[in-house]
PDB file of N, CA and C in Angstrom:
ATOM      1  N   UNK A   1    -107.874  28.427   9.735  1.00  0.00           N
ATOM      2  CA  UNK A   1    -108.275  29.449   8.775  1.00  0.00           C
ATOM      3  C   UNK A   1    -109.278  28.849   7.805  1.00  0.00           C
ATOM      4  N   UNK A   2    -110.314  29.591   7.515  1.00  0.00           N
ATOM      5  CA  UNK A   2    -111.301  29.124   6.557  1.00  0.00           C
ATOM      6  C   UNK A   2    -110.775  29.337   5.131  1.00  0.00           C
ATOM      7  N   UNK A   3    -111.433  28.703   4.198  1.00  0.00           N
ATOM      8  CA  UNK A   3    -111.017  28.829   2.807  1.00  0.00           C
ATOM      9  C   UNK A   3    -111.156  30.276   2.342  1.00  0.00           C
ATOM     10  N   UNK A   4    -110.238  30.670   1.485  1.00  0.00           N
ATOM     11  CA  UNK A   4    -110.244  32.019   0.931  1.00  0.00           C
ATOM     12  C   UNK A   4    -111.263  32.078  -0.201  1.00  0.00           C
ATOM     13  N   UNK A   5    -112.181  33.009  -0.120  1.00  0.00           N
ATOM     14  CA  UNK A   5    -113.189  33.182  -1.167  1.00  0.00           C
ATOM     15  C   UNK A   5    -112.538  33.823  -2.395  1.00  0.00           C
ATOM     16  N   UNK A   6    -112.995  33.470  -3.573  1.00  0.00           N
ATOM     17  CA  UNK A   6    -112.423  34.059  -4.785  1.00  0.00           C
ATOM     18  C   UNK A   6    -112.421  35.588  -4.786  1.00  0.00           C
ATOM     19  N   UNK A   7    -113.490  36.192  -4.325  1.00  0.00           N
ATOM     20  CA  UNK A   7    -113.554  37.652  -4.274  1.00  0.00           C
ATOM     21  C   UNK A   7    -112.521  38.236  -3.321  1.00  0.00           C
ATOM     22  N   UNK A   8    -112.308  37.565  -2.202  1.00  0.00           N
ATOM     23  CA  UNK A   8    -111.305  38.017  -1.242  1.00  0.00           C
ATOM     24  C   UNK A   8    -109.898  37.866  -1.820  1.00  0.00           C
ATOM     25  N   UNK A   9    -109.653  36.788  -2.550  1.00  0.00           N
ATOM     26  CA  UNK A   9    -108.355  36.602  -3.210  1.00  0.00           C
ATOM     27  C   UNK A   9    -108.112  37.736  -4.199  1.00  0.00           C
ATOM     28  N   UNK A  10    -109.135  38.100  -4.931  1.00  0.00           N
ATOM     29  CA  UNK A  10    -109.007  39.190  -5.902  1.00  0.00           C
ATOM     30  C   UNK A  10    -108.734  40.512  -5.193  1.00  0.00           C
ATOM     31  N   UNK A  11    -109.425  40.752  -4.089  1.00  0.00           N
ATOM     32  CA  UNK A  11    -109.228  41.990  -3.332  1.00  0.00           C
ATOM     33  C   UNK A  11    -107.816  42.073  -2.783  1.00  0.00           C
ATOM     34  N   UNK A  12    -107.317  40.976  -2.217  1.00  0.00           N
ATOM     35  CA  UNK A  12    -105.967  40.969  -1.661  1.00  0.00           C
ATOM     36  C   UNK A  12    -104.909  41.113  -2.752  1.00  0.00           C
ATOM     37  N   UNK A  13    -105.134  40.463  -3.889  1.00  0.00           N
ATOM     38  CA  UNK A  13    -104.197  40.589  -4.998  1.00  0.00           C
ATOM     39  C   UNK A  13    -104.153  42.032  -5.496  1.00  0.00           C
ATOM     40  N   UNK A  14    -105.303  42.653  -5.635  1.00  0.00           N
ATOM     41  CA  UNK A  14    -105.351  44.048  -6.095  1.00  0.00           C
ATOM     42  C   UNK A  14    -104.652  44.962  -5.100  1.00  0.00           C
ATOM     43  N   UNK A  15    -104.840  44.685  -3.823  1.00  0.00           N
ATOM     44  CA  UNK A  15    -104.189  45.492  -2.777  1.00  0.00           C
ATOM     45  C   UNK A  15    -102.669  45.372  -2.868  1.00  0.00           C
ATOM     46  N   UNK A  16    -102.190  44.215  -3.312  1.00  0.00           N
ATOM     47  CA  UNK A  16    -100.749  44.002  -3.475  1.00  0.00           C
ATOM     48  C   UNK A  16    -100.247  44.507  -4.820  1.00  0.00           C
ATOM     49  N   UNK A  17    -101.130  45.100  -5.617  1.00  0.00           N
ATOM     50  CA  UNK A  17    -100.729  45.621  -6.910  1.00  0.00           C
ATOM     51  C   UNK A  17    -100.739  44.576  -8.011  1.00  0.00           C
ATOM     52  N   UNK A  18    -101.481  43.493  -7.807  1.00  0.00           N
ATOM     53  CA  UNK A  18    -101.572  42.404  -8.776  1.00  0.00           C
ATOM     54  C   UNK A  18    -103.016  42.162  -9.175  1.00  0.00           C
ATOM     55  N   UNK A  19    -103.593  43.051  -9.954  1.00  0.00           N
ATOM     56  CA  UNK A  19    -105.000  42.863 -10.337  1.00  0.00           C
ATOM     57  C   UNK A  19    -105.178  41.574 -11.143  1.00  0.00           C
ATOM     58  N   UNK A  20    -106.269  40.879 -10.881  1.00  0.00           N
ATOM     59  CA  UNK A  20    -106.545  39.604 -11.537  1.00  0.00           C
ATOM     60  C   UNK A  20    -107.757  39.708 -12.446  1.00  0.00           C
ATOM     61  N   UNK A  21    -107.711  38.980 -13.557  1.00  0.00           N
ATOM     62  CA  UNK A  21    -108.895  38.821 -14.389  1.00  0.00           C
ATOM     63  C   UNK A  21    -109.906  38.004 -13.591  1.00  0.00           C
ATOM     64  N   UNK A  22    -111.162  38.273 -13.775  1.00  0.00           N
ATOM     65  CA  UNK A  22    -112.209  37.570 -13.025  1.00  0.00           C
ATOM     66  C   UNK A  22    -112.128  36.057 -13.193  1.00  0.00           C
ATOM     67  N   UNK A  23    -111.686  35.600 -14.342  1.00  0.00           N
ATOM     68  CA  UNK A  23    -111.589  34.158 -14.600  1.00  0.00           C
ATOM     69  C   UNK A  23    -110.533  33.482 -13.726  1.00  0.00           C
ATOM     70  N   UNK A  24    -109.629  34.240 -13.142  1.00  0.00           N
ATOM     71  CA  UNK A  24    -108.550  33.660 -12.335  1.00  0.00           C
ATOM     72  C   UNK A  24    -108.826  33.704 -10.837  1.00  0.00           C
ATOM     73  N   UNK A  25    -109.857  34.366 -10.384  1.00  0.00           N
ATOM     74  CA  UNK A  25    -110.126  34.526  -8.955  1.00  0.00           C
ATOM     75  C   UNK A  25    -110.190  33.190  -8.233  1.00  0.00           C
ATOM     76  N   UNK A  26    -110.958  32.257  -8.735  1.00  0.00           N
ATOM     77  CA  UNK A  26    -111.133  30.967  -8.059  1.00  0.00           C
ATOM     78  C   UNK A  26    -109.824  30.166  -8.034  1.00  0.00           C
ATOM     79  N   UNK A  27    -109.077  30.185  -9.126  1.00  0.00           N
ATOM     80  CA  UNK A  27    -107.815  29.434  -9.180  1.00  0.00           C
ATOM     81  C   UNK A  27    -106.796  30.015  -8.208  1.00  0.00           C
ATOM     82  N   UNK A  28    -106.727  31.321  -8.123  1.00  0.00           N
ATOM     83  CA  UNK A  28    -105.791  31.959  -7.196  1.00  0.00           C
ATOM     84  C   UNK A  28    -106.195  31.676  -5.756  1.00  0.00           C
ATOM     85  N   UNK A  29    -107.473  31.717  -5.462  1.00  0.00           N
ATOM     86  CA  UNK A  29    -107.944  31.393  -4.108  1.00  0.00           C
ATOM     87  C   UNK A  29    -107.592  29.954  -3.747  1.00  0.00           C
ATOM     88  N   UNK A  30    -107.782  29.028  -4.675  1.00  0.00           N
ATOM     89  CA  UNK A  30    -107.451  27.624  -4.414  1.00  0.00           C
ATOM     90  C   UNK A  30    -105.960  27.441  -4.202  1.00  0.00           C
ATOM     91  N   UNK A  31    -105.139  28.111  -4.996  1.00  0.00           N
ATOM     92  CA  UNK A  31    -103.687  28.018  -4.831  1.00  0.00           C
ATOM     93  C   UNK A  31    -103.257  28.584  -3.480  1.00  0.00           C
ATOM     94  N   UNK A  32    -103.824  29.705  -3.089  1.00  0.00           N
ATOM     95  CA  UNK A  32    -103.495  30.310  -1.795  1.00  0.00           C
ATOM     96  C   UNK A  32    -103.897  29.384  -0.651  1.00  0.00           C
ATOM     97  N   UNK A  33    -105.044  28.735  -0.754  1.00  0.00           N
ATOM     98  CA  UNK A  33    -105.474  27.789   0.271  1.00  0.00           C
ATOM     99  C   UNK A  33    -104.504  26.614   0.373  1.00  0.00           C
ATOM    100  N   UNK A  34    -104.050  26.116  -0.769  1.00  0.00           N
ATOM    101  CA  UNK A  34    -103.110  24.996  -0.768  1.00  0.00           C
ATOM    102  C   UNK A  34    -101.786  25.404  -0.118  1.00  0.00           C
ATOM    103  N   UNK A  35    -101.271  26.566  -0.497  1.00  0.00           N
ATOM    104  CA  UNK A  35    -100.019  27.054   0.082  1.00  0.00           C
ATOM    105  C   UNK A  35    -100.174  27.201   1.596  1.00  0.00           C
ATOM    106  N   UNK A  36    -101.279  27.737   2.036  1.00  0.00           N
ATOM    107  CA  UNK A  36    -101.520  27.910   3.469  1.00  0.00           C
ATOM    108  C   UNK A  36    -101.533  26.564   4.186  1.00  0.00           C
ATOM    109  N   UNK A  37    -102.148  25.555   3.581  1.00  0.00           N
ATOM    110  CA  UNK A  37    -102.200  24.240   4.231  1.00  0.00           C
ATOM    111  C   UNK A  37    -100.807  23.613   4.336  1.00  0.00           C
ATOM    112  N   UNK A  38     -99.962  23.803   3.325  1.00  0.00           N
ATOM    113  CA  UNK A  38     -98.595  23.273   3.365  1.00  0.00           C
ATOM    114  C   UNK A  38     -97.773  24.002   4.424  1.00  0.00           C
ATOM    115  N   UNK A  39     -97.863  25.315   4.456  1.00  0.00           N
ATOM    116  CA  UNK A  39     -97.113  26.093   5.445  1.00  0.00           C
ATOM    117  C   UNK A  39     -97.561  25.743   6.858  1.00  0.00           C
ATOM    118  N   UNK A  40     -98.835  25.501   7.049  1.00  0.00           N
ATOM    119  CA  UNK A  40     -99.341  25.125   8.372  1.00  0.00           C
ATOM    120  C   UNK A  40     -98.702  23.837   8.862  1.00  0.00           C
ATOM    121  N   UNK A  41     -98.538  22.867   7.975  1.00  0.00           N
ATOM    122  CA  UNK A  41     -97.889  21.602   8.338  1.00  0.00           C
ATOM    123  C   UNK A  41     -96.425  21.852   8.674  1.00  0.00           C
ATOM    124  N   UNK A  42     -95.741  22.658   7.886  1.00  0.00           N
ATOM    125  CA  UNK A  42     -94.328  22.944   8.139  1.00  0.00           C
ATOM    126  C   UNK A  42     -94.122  23.654   9.476  1.00  0.00           C
ATOM    127  N   UNK A  43     -95.054  24.500   9.858  1.00  0.00           N
ATOM    128  CA  UNK A  43     -94.933  25.207  11.140  1.00  0.00           C
ATOM    129  C   UNK A  43     -95.007  24.262  12.322  1.00  0.00           C
ATOM    130  N   UNK A  44     -95.620  23.104  12.141  1.00  0.00           N
ATOM    131  CA  UNK A  44     -95.760  22.147  13.229  1.00  0.00           C
ATOM    132  C   UNK A  44     -94.526  21.277  13.428  1.00  0.00           C
ATOM    133  N   UNK A  45     -93.585  21.307  12.488  1.00  0.00           N
ATOM    134  CA  UNK A  45     -92.388  20.482  12.598  1.00  0.00           C
ATOM    135  C   UNK A  45     -91.468  20.990  13.700  1.00  0.00           C
ATOM    136  N   UNK A  46     -90.850  20.043  14.417  1.00  0.00           N
ATOM    137  CA  UNK A  46     -89.907  20.393  15.465  1.00  0.00           C
ATOM    138  C   UNK A  46     -88.502  20.119  14.938  1.00  0.00           C
ATOM    139  N   UNK A  47     -87.723  21.166  14.773  1.00  0.00           N
ATOM    140  CA  UNK A  47     -86.383  21.030  14.215  1.00  0.00           C
ATOM    141  C   UNK A  47     -85.306  20.910  15.279  1.00  0.00           C
ATOM    142  N   UNK A  48     -85.692  20.832  16.533  1.00  0.00           N
ATOM    143  CA  UNK A  48     -84.770  20.659  17.657  1.00  0.00           C
ATOM    144  C   UNK A  48     -83.582  21.602  17.548  1.00  0.00           C
ATOM    145  N   UNK A  49     -82.405  21.049  17.387  1.00  0.00           N
ATOM    146  CA  UNK A  49     -81.163  21.819  17.371  1.00  0.00           C
ATOM    147  C   UNK A  49     -80.667  22.127  15.964  1.00  0.00           C
ATOM    148  N   UNK A  50     -81.500  22.011  14.965  1.00  0.00           N
ATOM    149  CA  UNK A  50     -81.081  22.270  13.591  1.00  0.00           C
ATOM    150  C   UNK A  50     -80.727  23.745  13.431  1.00  0.00           C
ATOM    151  N   UNK A  51     -79.489  24.026  12.993  1.00  0.00           N
ATOM    152  CA  UNK A  51     -79.111  25.431  12.820  1.00  0.00           C
ATOM    153  C   UNK A  51     -79.833  26.046  11.618  1.00  0.00           C
ATOM    154  N   UNK A  52     -79.976  27.361  11.603  1.00  0.00           N
ATOM    155  CA  UNK A  52     -80.646  28.014  10.474  1.00  0.00           C
ATOM    156  C   UNK A  52     -79.824  27.866   9.191  1.00  0.00           C
ATOM    157  N   UNK A  53     -80.485  27.947   8.071  1.00  0.00           N
ATOM    158  CA  UNK A  53     -79.830  27.797   6.772  1.00  0.00           C
ATOM    159  C   UNK A  53     -78.734  28.829   6.563  1.00  0.00           C
ATOM    160  N   UNK A  54     -78.830  29.971   7.200  1.00  0.00           N
ATOM    161  CA  UNK A  54     -77.830  31.023   7.007  1.00  0.00           C
ATOM    162  C   UNK A  54     -76.453  30.630   7.530  1.00  0.00           C
ATOM    163  N   UNK A  55     -76.349  29.542   8.302  1.00  0.00           N
ATOM    164  CA  UNK A  55     -75.054  29.106   8.815  1.00  0.00           C
ATOM    165  C   UNK A  55     -74.339  28.175   7.847  1.00  0.00           C
ATOM    166  N   UNK A  56     -74.976  27.812   6.744  1.00  0.00           N
ATOM    167  CA  UNK A  56     -74.390  26.890   5.777  1.00  0.00           C
ATOM    168  C   UNK A  56     -73.820  27.645   4.587  1.00  0.00           C
ATOM    169  N   UNK A  57     -72.608  27.294   4.198  1.00  0.00           N
ATOM    170  CA  UNK A  57     -71.969  27.895   3.025  1.00  0.00           C
ATOM    171  C   UNK A  57     -71.733  26.802   2.003  1.00  0.00           C
ATOM    172  N   UNK A  58     -72.514  26.803   0.944  1.00  0.00           N
ATOM    173  CA  UNK A  58     -72.470  25.743  -0.049  1.00  0.00           C
ATOM    174  C   UNK A  58     -71.099  25.613  -0.694  1.00  0.00           C
ATOM    175  N   UNK A  59     -70.410  26.727  -0.920  1.00  0.00           N
ATOM    176  CA  UNK A  59     -69.118  26.649  -1.599  1.00  0.00           C
ATOM    177  C   UNK A  59     -68.083  25.907  -0.768  1.00  0.00           C
ATOM    178  N   UNK A  60     -68.268  25.876   0.544  1.00  0.00           N
ATOM    179  CA  UNK A  60     -67.325  25.181   1.416  1.00  0.00           C
ATOM    180  C   UNK A  60     -67.862  23.843   1.880  1.00  0.00           C
ATOM    181  N   UNK A  61     -69.164  23.673   1.822  1.00  0.00           N
ATOM    182  CA  UNK A  61     -69.776  22.416   2.248  1.00  0.00           C
ATOM    183  C   UNK A  61     -69.716  22.178   3.745  1.00  0.00           C
ATOM    184  N   UNK A  62     -69.513  23.233   4.537  1.00  0.00           N
ATOM    185  CA  UNK A  62     -69.459  23.101   5.984  1.00  0.00           C
ATOM    186  C   UNK A  62     -70.325  24.159   6.623  1.00  0.00           C
ATOM    187  N   UNK A  63     -70.706  23.902   7.858  1.00  0.00           N
ATOM    188  CA  UNK A  63     -71.504  24.876   8.609  1.00  0.00           C
ATOM    189  C   UNK A  63     -70.588  25.718   9.467  1.00  0.00           C
ATOM    190  N   UNK A  64     -70.942  26.990   9.584  1.00  0.00           N
ATOM    191  CA  UNK A  64     -70.205  27.926  10.424  1.00  0.00           C
ATOM    192  C   UNK A  64     -71.154  28.512  11.454  1.00  0.00           C
ATOM    193  N   UNK A  65     -70.655  28.818  12.579  1.00  0.00           N
ATOM    194  CA  UNK A  65     -71.469  29.474  13.606  1.00  0.00           C
ATOM    195  C   UNK A  65     -71.608  30.928  13.197  1.00  0.00           C
ATOM    196  N   UNK A  66     -72.850  31.373  13.097  1.00  0.00           N
ATOM    197  CA  UNK A  66     -73.105  32.766  12.721  1.00  0.00           C
ATOM    198  C   UNK A  66     -72.648  33.695  13.834  1.00  0.00           C
ATOM    199  N   UNK A  67     -72.143  34.838  13.432  1.00  0.00           N
ATOM    200  CA  UNK A  67     -71.801  35.823  14.447  1.00  0.00           C
ATOM    201  C   UNK A  67     -70.501  36.437  14.324  1.00  0.00           C
TER     202      UNK A  67
END
Protein backbone atom coordinates (compact mmCIF):
# COMPACT_ATOMS: atom_id res chain seq x y z
CA UNK A 1 0.00 0.00 0.00
CA UNK A 2 1.28 3.45 -0.84
CA UNK A 3 1.40 6.21 1.72
CA UNK A 4 -1.90 7.86 2.56
CA UNK A 5 -2.06 11.44 1.31
CA UNK A 6 -3.20 14.05 3.83
CA UNK A 7 -6.20 14.97 1.69
CA UNK A 8 -7.24 11.33 1.44
CA UNK A 9 -6.92 10.94 5.22
CA UNK A 10 -9.19 13.94 5.65
CA UNK A 11 -11.71 12.55 3.17
CA UNK A 12 -11.80 9.15 4.88
CA UNK A 13 -12.09 10.72 8.32
CA UNK A 14 -14.99 12.91 7.18
CA UNK A 15 -16.68 9.87 5.65
CA UNK A 16 -16.42 8.17 9.05
CA UNK A 17 -18.01 11.20 10.70
CA UNK A 18 -14.73 12.57 12.07
CA UNK A 19 -14.06 15.86 10.32
CA UNK A 20 -10.49 17.10 10.79
CA UNK A 21 -9.02 20.57 10.96
CA UNK A 22 -6.72 21.15 8.00
CA UNK A 23 -3.73 21.41 10.35
CA UNK A 24 -4.23 17.77 11.39
CA UNK A 25 -4.47 16.14 7.94
CA UNK A 26 -0.76 15.34 7.61
CA UNK A 27 -0.44 14.04 11.19
CA UNK A 28 -3.45 11.77 10.82
CA UNK A 29 -2.16 10.44 7.50
CA UNK A 30 1.23 9.69 9.08
CA UNK A 31 -0.40 7.94 12.05
CA UNK A 32 -2.57 5.84 9.73
CA UNK A 33 0.50 4.86 7.69
CA UNK A 34 2.33 3.80 10.85
CA UNK A 35 -0.62 1.73 12.08
CA UNK A 36 -0.87 0.06 8.68
CA UNK A 37 2.83 -0.85 8.72
CA UNK A 38 2.53 -2.41 12.20
CA UNK A 39 -0.59 -4.39 11.29
CA UNK A 40 1.11 -5.62 8.11
CA UNK A 41 3.95 -7.09 10.18
CA UNK A 42 1.50 -8.73 12.60
CA UNK A 43 -0.38 -10.34 9.72
CA UNK A 44 2.82 -12.11 8.67
CA UNK A 45 3.26 -13.86 12.03
CA UNK A 46 2.57 -17.58 12.18
CA UNK A 47 0.78 -18.49 15.40
CA UNK A 48 0.65 -22.23 14.63
CA UNK A 49 -1.64 -23.86 17.19
CA UNK A 50 -2.16 -20.80 19.41
CA UNK A 51 -5.80 -20.73 20.49
CA UNK A 52 -7.77 -17.49 20.05
CA UNK A 53 -7.90 -15.05 22.95
CA UNK A 54 -11.60 -15.78 23.43
CA UNK A 55 -10.69 -19.18 24.94
CA UNK A 56 -8.86 -17.55 27.87
CA UNK A 57 -10.66 -16.56 31.07
CA UNK A 58 -8.52 -14.23 33.14
CA UNK A 59 -10.51 -14.75 36.34
CA UNK A 60 -9.67 -18.46 36.27
CA UNK A 61 -6.23 -18.23 34.68
CA UNK A 62 -6.92 -21.26 32.48
CA UNK A 63 -7.87 -21.85 28.87
CA UNK A 64 -11.15 -23.47 27.92
CA UNK A 65 -12.14 -24.99 24.62
CA UNK A 66 -14.72 -22.72 23.03
CA UNK A 67 -18.00 -24.27 22.13
